[in-house]
Structures are given as structure tokens and as C-alpha cells.
Amino acid sequence: MAGAELAPHFARLQRALAARPAAMAERDEPFKEAAVALVLRPAADDAEDLELLLMRRAAREGDPWSGQIGLPGGRFDATDESLEHTALRETFEEVGIDLRADGLVLGQLDELRPRTPVLPPIIVRPFVCALHADVRIVPNHEVAELRWVRLAELFHPETRVHTSVRVRDLQMKVEAYQLGDFTVWGMTERILATFEEIWR
């Protein structure tokens, strides 16, 4: 996409992200850092809409987000040049999409830092990415399922629900996006809620 003109919906998003500087989380110890990617592509049947890649994480012992619906991403590694590099590396490792070659980072959203005893002390920085090529997705062992979801469907008022989820024998009432059998809650819900404000 370098050197080429951005498609109108991507250009609008890029301007909106630039006009709203992302809020950074406080970095009081202890904490680790991570990054996720909102991978977007044009909707095949609607020039005014985009599709977002969501994933169901594989069930894994010791993973606090085991089985949940989320975005490609993971923890910062000492070999990463930046958190943006983390998001791109993890996206390639988890789903086989090379955003450096086939996409563009449009901007970033507010960092999240959950302060709850059931989650590790981690700061997550979300990056919004435009995918401009028809790529083959190759999920790794961390991914149980992948699904492209149209933003018009995701952000329809009827998808916003109050629901109950079970985590480690704890039943919790949460805000969520409900897309069939995909219940998007927790940090991913908060990321998408912020993105929805910008998209609209």
C-alpha cells in the first residue's frame, strides 16, 4: 500500500485515528506489555463497509484468555523493535498474515491495563491495520477458529448485550458484543467499543 492512495474507508479511519491521540496507560510496576491488531479488509459485497478478523483462542492450560474471542496479538518480546512490531509479529505467527507486506498500520487505540486479580498485570496496545491483499490465512496452534465479521453487523445495536460468562468457576455479568456463538467481552470488548466510536 506504500505509495498508493488509500481506499476511502481506510483513509477516513486513518484521519480519525490521527485526530484522536491514543491514551497511554500508567506504567507503575509490576507490568508486562502486549499488543494486538485489528485487522481490517474491505467487505466483498459492500464498498462502504469493512470486515474485522476475530479469533477464538484455543483452550490452553494456564492461559487466562483460553477459549475467549479476541484479536491476533501477544506479549512484547525483547527482540521486538516496538509494540507495533509485536502486533505485526504476533499476527503473522498466529494467523499467517504479513501486515508489513500486505497491509498498513493506520493508527493505534487507547492502551488498556486491567487491574483485577484474575488477570496478569499487563498493558495492551491495540493497532488498527488495513489489509489490502487477498491473503491466505494459516492459523497456528493458539487459534481454534477465525471469523471475518462485517463492522455493520458487529456494531449493530442489537449485538450489544449484558450477558453472563464463566471464568475459572466464577460467573460474571459483562458487557459484550454477541455475534451468534461469538461472545466478545473483557479487554476485546473494550477495544472494540473504543474503535466503534472512531468508526462511527
C-alpha atoms as a PDB file:
ATOM      1  CA  MET A   1       0.000   0.000   0.000  1.00  0.00           C
ATOM      2  CA  ALA A   2       3.044   2.230   0.271  1.00  0.00           C
ATOM      3  CA  GLY A   3       2.932   4.858  -2.437  1.00  0.00           C
ATOM      4  CA  ALA A   4      -0.653   4.001  -3.348  1.00  0.00           C
ATOM      5  CA  GLU A   5      -3.715   6.011  -2.426  1.00  0.00           C
ATOM      6  CA  LEU A   6      -5.668   4.600   0.500  1.00  0.00           C
ATOM      7  CA  ALA A   7      -9.213   3.400  -0.159  1.00  0.00           C
ATOM      8  CA  PRO A   8     -11.734   5.984   1.132  1.00  0.00           C
ATOM      9  CA  HIS A   9     -12.863   3.988   4.199  1.00  0.00           C
ATOM     10  CA  PHE A  10      -9.251   3.352   5.233  1.00  0.00           C
ATOM     11  CA  ALA A  11      -8.270   6.980   4.618  1.00  0.00           C
ATOM     12  CA  ARG A  12     -11.188   8.161   6.768  1.00  0.00           C
ATOM     13  CA  LEU A  13     -10.141   5.820   9.558  1.00  0.00           C
ATOM     14  CA  GLN A  14      -6.541   6.974   9.358  1.00  0.00           C
ATOM     15  CA  ARG A  15      -7.638  10.621   9.685  1.00  0.00           C
ATOM     16  CA  ALA A  16      -9.946   9.815  12.594  1.00  0.00           C
ATOM     17  CA  LEU A  17      -7.194   7.940  14.443  1.00  0.00           C
ATOM     18  CA  ALA A  18      -4.699  10.757  13.851  1.00  0.00           C
ATOM     19  CA  ALA A  19      -7.203  13.282  15.228  1.00  0.00           C
ATOM     20  CA  ARG A  20      -7.642  11.298  18.451  1.00  0.00           C
ATOM     21  CA  PRO A  21      -4.279  10.623  20.108  1.00  0.00           C
ATOM     22  CA  ALA A  22      -4.282   7.302  21.947  1.00  0.00           C
ATOM     23  CA  ALA A  23      -4.236   7.422  25.749  1.00  0.00           C
ATOM     24  CA  MET A  24      -1.277   5.628  27.308  1.00  0.00           C
ATOM     25  CA  ALA A  25      -1.624   3.513  30.456  1.00  0.00           C
ATOM     26  CA  GLU A  26       0.323   4.220  33.637  1.00  0.00           C
ATOM     27  CA  ARG A  27       3.488   2.169  33.865  1.00  0.00           C
ATOM     28  CA  ASP A  28       3.813   1.568  37.560  1.00  0.00           C
ATOM     29  CA  GLU A  29       5.416  -1.771  38.391  1.00  0.00           C
ATOM     30  CA  PRO A  30       4.732  -4.598  38.051  1.00  0.00           C
ATOM     31  CA  PHE A  31       3.596  -4.852  34.442  1.00  0.00           C
ATOM     32  CA  LYS A  32       4.303  -6.509  31.113  1.00  0.00           C
ATOM     33  CA  GLU A  33       3.417  -5.152  27.696  1.00  0.00           C
ATOM     34  CA  ALA A  34       1.469  -6.671  24.809  1.00  0.00           C
ATOM     35  CA  ALA A  35      -0.082  -5.573  21.531  1.00  0.00           C
ATOM     36  CA  VAL A  36      -2.982  -6.690  19.365  1.00  0.00           C
ATOM     37  CA  ALA A  37      -4.014  -5.964  15.777  1.00  0.00           C
ATOM     38  CA  LEU A  38      -7.449  -5.032  14.499  1.00  0.00           C
ATOM     39  CA  VAL A  39      -7.020  -6.488  11.004  1.00  0.00           C
ATOM     40  CA  LEU A  40      -9.496  -4.915   8.582  1.00  0.00           C
ATOM     41  CA  ARG A  41     -10.281  -5.676   4.959  1.00  0.00           C
ATOM     42  CA  PRO A  42     -12.878  -4.288   2.505  1.00  0.00           C
ATOM     43  CA  ALA A  43     -16.207  -6.114   2.621  1.00  0.00           C
ATOM     44  CA  ALA A  44     -16.670  -8.074  -0.594  1.00  0.00           C
ATOM     45  CA  ASP A  45     -20.311  -7.076  -1.123  1.00  0.00           C
ATOM     46  CA  ASP A  46     -20.374  -3.538   0.306  1.00  0.00           C
ATOM     47  CA  ALA A  47     -17.943  -0.795  -0.711  1.00  0.00           C
ATOM     48  CA  GLU A  48     -18.925   1.234   2.370  1.00  0.00           C
ATOM     49  CA  ASP A  49     -18.188  -1.489   4.900  1.00  0.00           C
ATOM     50  CA  LEU A  50     -15.155  -3.292   6.292  1.00  0.00           C
ATOM     51  CA  GLU A  51     -14.609  -6.699   7.845  1.00  0.00           C
ATOM     52  CA  LEU A  52     -12.673  -7.370  11.064  1.00  0.00           C
ATOM     53  CA  LEU A  53     -10.799 -10.581  11.821  1.00  0.00           C
ATOM     54  CA  LEU A  54     -11.819 -12.172  15.131  1.00  0.00           C
ATOM     55  CA  MET A  55     -10.382 -15.352  16.590  1.00  0.00           C
ATOM     56  CA  ARG A  56     -11.397 -17.873  19.184  1.00  0.00           C
ATOM     57  CA  ARG A  57      -8.348 -18.722  21.228  1.00  0.00           C
ATOM     58  CA  ALA A  58      -7.536 -22.391  21.665  1.00  0.00           C
ATOM     59  CA  ALA A  59      -8.210 -23.866  25.097  1.00  0.00           C
ATOM     60  CA  ARG A  60      -4.847 -23.988  26.881  1.00  0.00           C
ATOM     61  CA  GLU A  61      -3.942 -24.709  30.486  1.00  0.00           C
ATOM     62  CA  GLY A  62      -2.586 -21.617  32.208  1.00  0.00           C
ATOM     63  CA  ASP A  63      -3.843 -19.163  29.554  1.00  0.00           C
ATOM     64  CA  PRO A  64      -6.101 -16.570  31.272  1.00  0.00           C
ATOM     65  CA  TRP A  65      -7.785 -15.876  27.906  1.00  0.00           C
ATOM     66  CA  SER A  66      -8.202 -19.546  26.985  1.00  0.00           C
ATOM     67  CA  GLY A  67     -11.193 -20.130  24.690  1.00  0.00           C
ATOM     68  CA  GLN A  68     -12.146 -16.452  24.529  1.00  0.00           C
ATOM     69  CA  ILE A  69     -12.868 -14.387  21.421  1.00  0.00           C
ATOM     70  CA  GLY A  70     -10.070 -11.935  20.724  1.00  0.00           C
ATOM     71  CA  LEU A  71      -7.728 -10.292  18.258  1.00  0.00           C
ATOM     72  CA  PRO A  72      -4.366 -11.502  16.941  1.00  0.00           C
ATOM     73  CA  GLY A  73      -1.611 -10.402  19.292  1.00  0.00           C
ATOM     74  CA  GLY A  74       0.575 -11.246  22.219  1.00  0.00           C
ATOM     75  CA  ARG A  75       3.299 -10.176  24.593  1.00  0.00           C
ATOM     76  CA  PHE A  76       6.212  -7.906  23.801  1.00  0.00           C
ATOM     77  CA  ASP A  77       9.423  -9.831  23.238  1.00  0.00           C
ATOM     78  CA  ALA A  78      12.919  -8.487  23.910  1.00  0.00           C
ATOM     79  CA  THR A  79      13.689  -8.910  20.184  1.00  0.00           C
ATOM     80  CA  ASP A  80      10.758  -6.656  19.159  1.00  0.00           C
ATOM     81  CA  GLU A  81      11.665  -3.171  17.978  1.00  0.00           C
ATOM     82  CA  SER A  82       8.419  -1.725  19.352  1.00  0.00           C
ATOM     83  CA  LEU A  83       4.887  -2.684  20.391  1.00  0.00           C
ATOM     84  CA  GLU A  84       3.830  -2.128  16.783  1.00  0.00           C
ATOM     85  CA  HIS A  85       6.397  -4.737  15.799  1.00  0.00           C
ATOM     86  CA  THR A  86       4.904  -7.036  18.468  1.00  0.00           C
ATOM     87  CA  ALA A  87       1.422  -6.703  16.950  1.00  0.00           C
ATOM     88  CA  LEU A  88       2.688  -7.418  13.422  1.00  0.00           C
ATOM     89  CA  ARG A  89       4.893 -10.336  14.516  1.00  0.00           C
ATOM     90  CA  GLU A  90       2.166 -11.965  16.585  1.00  0.00           C
ATOM     91  CA  THR A  91      -0.386 -11.548  13.765  1.00  0.00           C
ATOM     92  CA  PHE A  92       1.947 -13.341  11.383  1.00  0.00           C
ATOM     93  CA  GLU A  93       2.688 -16.090  13.902  1.00  0.00           C
ATOM     94  CA  GLU A  94      -0.943 -16.679  14.885  1.00  0.00           C
ATOM     95  CA  VAL A  95      -2.818 -16.297  11.591  1.00  0.00           C
ATOM     96  CA  GLY A  96      -0.155 -16.127   8.876  1.00  0.00           C
ATOM     97  CA  ILE A  97      -0.964 -12.566   7.745  1.00  0.00           C
ATOM     98  CA  ASP A  98       2.131 -10.478   6.954  1.00  0.00           C
ATOM     99  CA  LEU A  99       0.906  -6.938   7.573  1.00  0.00           C
ATOM    100  CA  ARG A 100       4.294  -5.482   6.643  1.00  0.00           C
ATOM    101  CA  ALA A 101       3.959  -6.868   3.109  1.00  0.00           C
ATOM    102  CA  ASP A 102       0.173  -6.916   2.662  1.00  0.00           C
ATOM    103  CA  GLY A 103      -1.118  -4.181   4.928  1.00  0.00           C
ATOM    104  CA  LEU A 104      -0.627  -0.869   6.659  1.00  0.00           C
ATOM    105  CA  VAL A 105      -0.907   0.299  10.264  1.00  0.00           C
ATOM    106  CA  LEU A 106      -3.459   3.124  10.258  1.00  0.00           C
ATOM    107  CA  GLY A 107      -3.033   4.131  13.885  1.00  0.00           C
ATOM    108  CA  GLN A 108      -3.495   2.982  17.445  1.00  0.00           C
ATOM    109  CA  LEU A 109      -6.202   2.984  20.103  1.00  0.00           C
ATOM    110  CA  ASP A 110      -6.091   3.667  23.838  1.00  0.00           C
ATOM    111  CA  GLU A 111      -3.960   1.281  25.856  1.00  0.00           C
ATOM    112  CA  LEU A 112      -5.714  -0.974  28.318  1.00  0.00           C
ATOM    113  CA  ARG A 113      -4.445  -2.051  31.697  1.00  0.00           C
ATOM    114  CA  PRO A 114      -6.810  -4.359  33.579  1.00  0.00           C
ATOM    115  CA  ARG A 115      -6.346  -4.151  37.324  1.00  0.00           C
ATOM    116  CA  THR A 116      -8.007  -7.309  38.513  1.00  0.00           C
ATOM    117  CA  PRO A 117      -6.553 -10.227  40.479  1.00  0.00           C
ATOM    118  CA  VAL A 118      -7.839 -12.767  37.916  1.00  0.00           C
ATOM    119  CA  LEU A 119      -5.659 -11.321  35.135  1.00  0.00           C
ATOM    120  CA  PRO A 120      -1.891 -10.804  34.897  1.00  0.00           C
ATOM    121  CA  PRO A 121      -0.558  -7.212  35.217  1.00  0.00           C
ATOM    122  CA  ILE A 122      -0.355  -6.407  31.518  1.00  0.00           C
ATOM    123  CA  ILE A 123      -0.669  -3.308  29.347  1.00  0.00           C
ATOM    124  CA  VAL A 124      -2.223  -3.913  25.920  1.00  0.00           C
ATOM    125  CA  ARG A 125      -1.799  -1.514  22.991  1.00  0.00           C
ATOM    126  CA  PRO A 126      -4.202  -2.053  20.040  1.00  0.00           C
ATOM    127  CA  PHE A 127      -3.164  -1.191  16.468  1.00  0.00           C
ATOM    128  CA  VAL A 128      -5.673  -0.652  13.649  1.00  0.00           C
ATOM    129  CA  CYS A 129      -4.430  -2.232  10.417  1.00  0.00           C
ATOM    130  CA  ALA A 130      -5.644  -2.150   6.813  1.00  0.00           C
ATOM    131  CA  LEU A 131      -5.224  -5.330   4.785  1.00  0.00           C
ATOM    132  CA  HIS A 132      -5.001  -4.556   1.076  1.00  0.00           C
ATOM    133  CA  ALA A 133      -4.351  -8.002  -0.389  1.00  0.00           C
ATOM    134  CA  ASP A 134      -6.371 -11.192  -0.616  1.00  0.00           C
ATOM    135  CA  VAL A 135      -4.229 -13.360   1.626  1.00  0.00           C
ATOM    136  CA  ARG A 136      -4.312 -16.960   2.747  1.00  0.00           C
ATOM    137  CA  ILE A 137      -4.872 -17.367   6.471  1.00  0.00           C
ATOM    138  CA  VAL A 138      -2.809 -20.017   8.228  1.00  0.00           C
ATOM    139  CA  PRO A 139      -3.796 -20.285  11.909  1.00  0.00           C
ATOM    140  CA  ASN A 140      -1.326 -21.767  14.381  1.00  0.00           C
ATOM    141  CA  HIS A 141      -1.953 -23.936  17.445  1.00  0.00           C
ATOM    142  CA  GLU A 142      -3.080 -20.935  19.518  1.00  0.00           C
ATOM    143  CA  VAL A 143      -6.148 -20.421  17.316  1.00  0.00           C
ATOM    144  CA  ALA A 144      -9.267 -22.593  17.489  1.00  0.00           C
ATOM    145  CA  GLU A 145     -11.351 -20.604  14.980  1.00  0.00           C
ATOM    146  CA  LEU A 146     -11.136 -17.488  12.805  1.00  0.00           C
ATOM    147  CA  ARG A 147     -14.012 -15.408  11.510  1.00  0.00           C
ATOM    148  CA  TRP A 148     -14.328 -12.260   9.386  1.00  0.00           C
ATOM    149  CA  VAL A 149     -17.130 -10.054  10.746  1.00  0.00           C
ATOM    150  CA  ARG A 150     -18.610  -7.054   8.970  1.00  0.00           C
ATOM    151  CA  LEU A 151     -18.468  -3.856  11.014  1.00  0.00           C
ATOM    152  CA  ALA A 152     -22.093  -3.094  10.119  1.00  0.00           C
ATOM    153  CA  GLU A 153     -23.051  -6.376  11.780  1.00  0.00           C
ATOM    154  CA  LEU A 154     -20.634  -6.080  14.697  1.00  0.00           C
ATOM    155  CA  PHE A 155     -21.716  -2.548  15.566  1.00  0.00           C
ATOM    156  CA  HIS A 156     -25.442  -3.080  15.051  1.00  0.00           C
ATOM    157  CA  PRO A 157     -27.293  -2.015  18.239  1.00  0.00           C
ATOM    158  CA  GLU A 158     -28.772  -5.493  18.659  1.00  0.00           C
ATOM    159  CA  THR A 159     -25.339  -7.060  19.135  1.00  0.00           C
ATOM    160  CA  ARG A 160     -24.697  -5.074  22.339  1.00  0.00           C
ATOM    161  CA  VAL A 161     -25.807  -7.155  25.298  1.00  0.00           C
ATOM    162  CA  HIS A 162     -25.453  -7.660  29.038  1.00  0.00           C
ATOM    163  CA  THR A 163     -24.645 -11.314  29.481  1.00  0.00           C
ATOM    164  CA  SER A 164     -23.072 -13.812  31.829  1.00  0.00           C
ATOM    165  CA  VAL A 165     -19.736 -15.567  31.293  1.00  0.00           C
ATOM    166  CA  ARG A 166     -17.936 -18.205  33.307  1.00  0.00           C
ATOM    167  CA  VAL A 167     -14.225 -17.851  34.034  1.00  0.00           C
ATOM    168  CA  ARG A 168     -12.354 -20.214  36.338  1.00  0.00           C
ATOM    169  CA  ASP A 169     -15.525 -21.295  38.154  1.00  0.00           C
ATOM    170  CA  LEU A 170     -16.523 -17.644  38.552  1.00  0.00           C
ATOM    171  CA  GLN A 171     -19.784 -16.441  36.960  1.00  0.00           C
ATOM    172  CA  MET A 172     -19.601 -12.797  35.873  1.00  0.00           C
ATOM    173  CA  LYS A 173     -22.063 -10.312  34.371  1.00  0.00           C
ATOM    174  CA  VAL A 174     -20.395  -8.464  31.486  1.00  0.00           C
ATOM    175  CA  GLU A 175     -20.980  -6.046  28.616  1.00  0.00           C
ATOM    176  CA  ALA A 176     -20.451  -7.824  25.321  1.00  0.00           C
ATOM    177  CA  TYR A 177     -20.893  -7.951  21.578  1.00  0.00           C
ATOM    178  CA  GLN A 178     -22.926 -11.068  20.744  1.00  0.00           C
ATOM    179  CA  LEU A 179     -22.397 -12.434  17.231  1.00  0.00           C
ATOM    180  CA  GLY A 180     -24.009 -15.858  17.119  1.00  0.00           C
ATOM    181  CA  ASP A 181     -21.747 -18.140  19.161  1.00  0.00           C
ATOM    182  CA  PHE A 182     -19.050 -15.444  19.413  1.00  0.00           C
ATOM    183  CA  THR A 183     -19.377 -13.569  22.717  1.00  0.00           C
ATOM    184  CA  VAL A 184     -16.856 -10.727  22.701  1.00  0.00           C
ATOM    185  CA  TRP A 185     -16.225  -9.402  26.201  1.00  0.00           C
ATOM    186  CA  GLY A 186     -13.452  -8.214  28.509  1.00  0.00           C
ATOM    187  CA  MET A 187     -10.490  -6.350  27.038  1.00  0.00           C
ATOM    188  CA  THR A 188     -11.522  -7.139  23.461  1.00  0.00           C
ATOM    189  CA  GLU A 189     -14.988  -5.668  24.085  1.00  0.00           C
ATOM    190  CA  ARG A 190     -13.394  -2.511  25.494  1.00  0.00           C
ATOM    191  CA  ILE A 191     -11.055  -2.229  22.497  1.00  0.00           C
ATOM    192  CA  LEU A 192     -13.938  -2.659  20.057  1.00  0.00           C
ATOM    193  CA  ALA A 193     -16.129  -0.167  21.931  1.00  0.00           C
ATOM    194  CA  THR A 194     -13.410   2.469  21.518  1.00  0.00           C
ATOM    195  CA  PHE A 195     -12.961   1.533  17.875  1.00  0.00           C
ATOM    196  CA  GLU A 196     -16.731   1.753  17.305  1.00  0.00           C
ATOM    197  CA  GLU A 197     -16.712   5.386  18.472  1.00  0.00           C
ATOM    198  CA  ILE A 198     -13.992   6.204  15.949  1.00  0.00           C
ATOM    199  CA  TRP A 199     -15.552   4.211  13.113  1.00  0.00           C
ATOM    200  CA  ARG A 200     -18.880   5.976  13.503  1.00  0.00           C
END
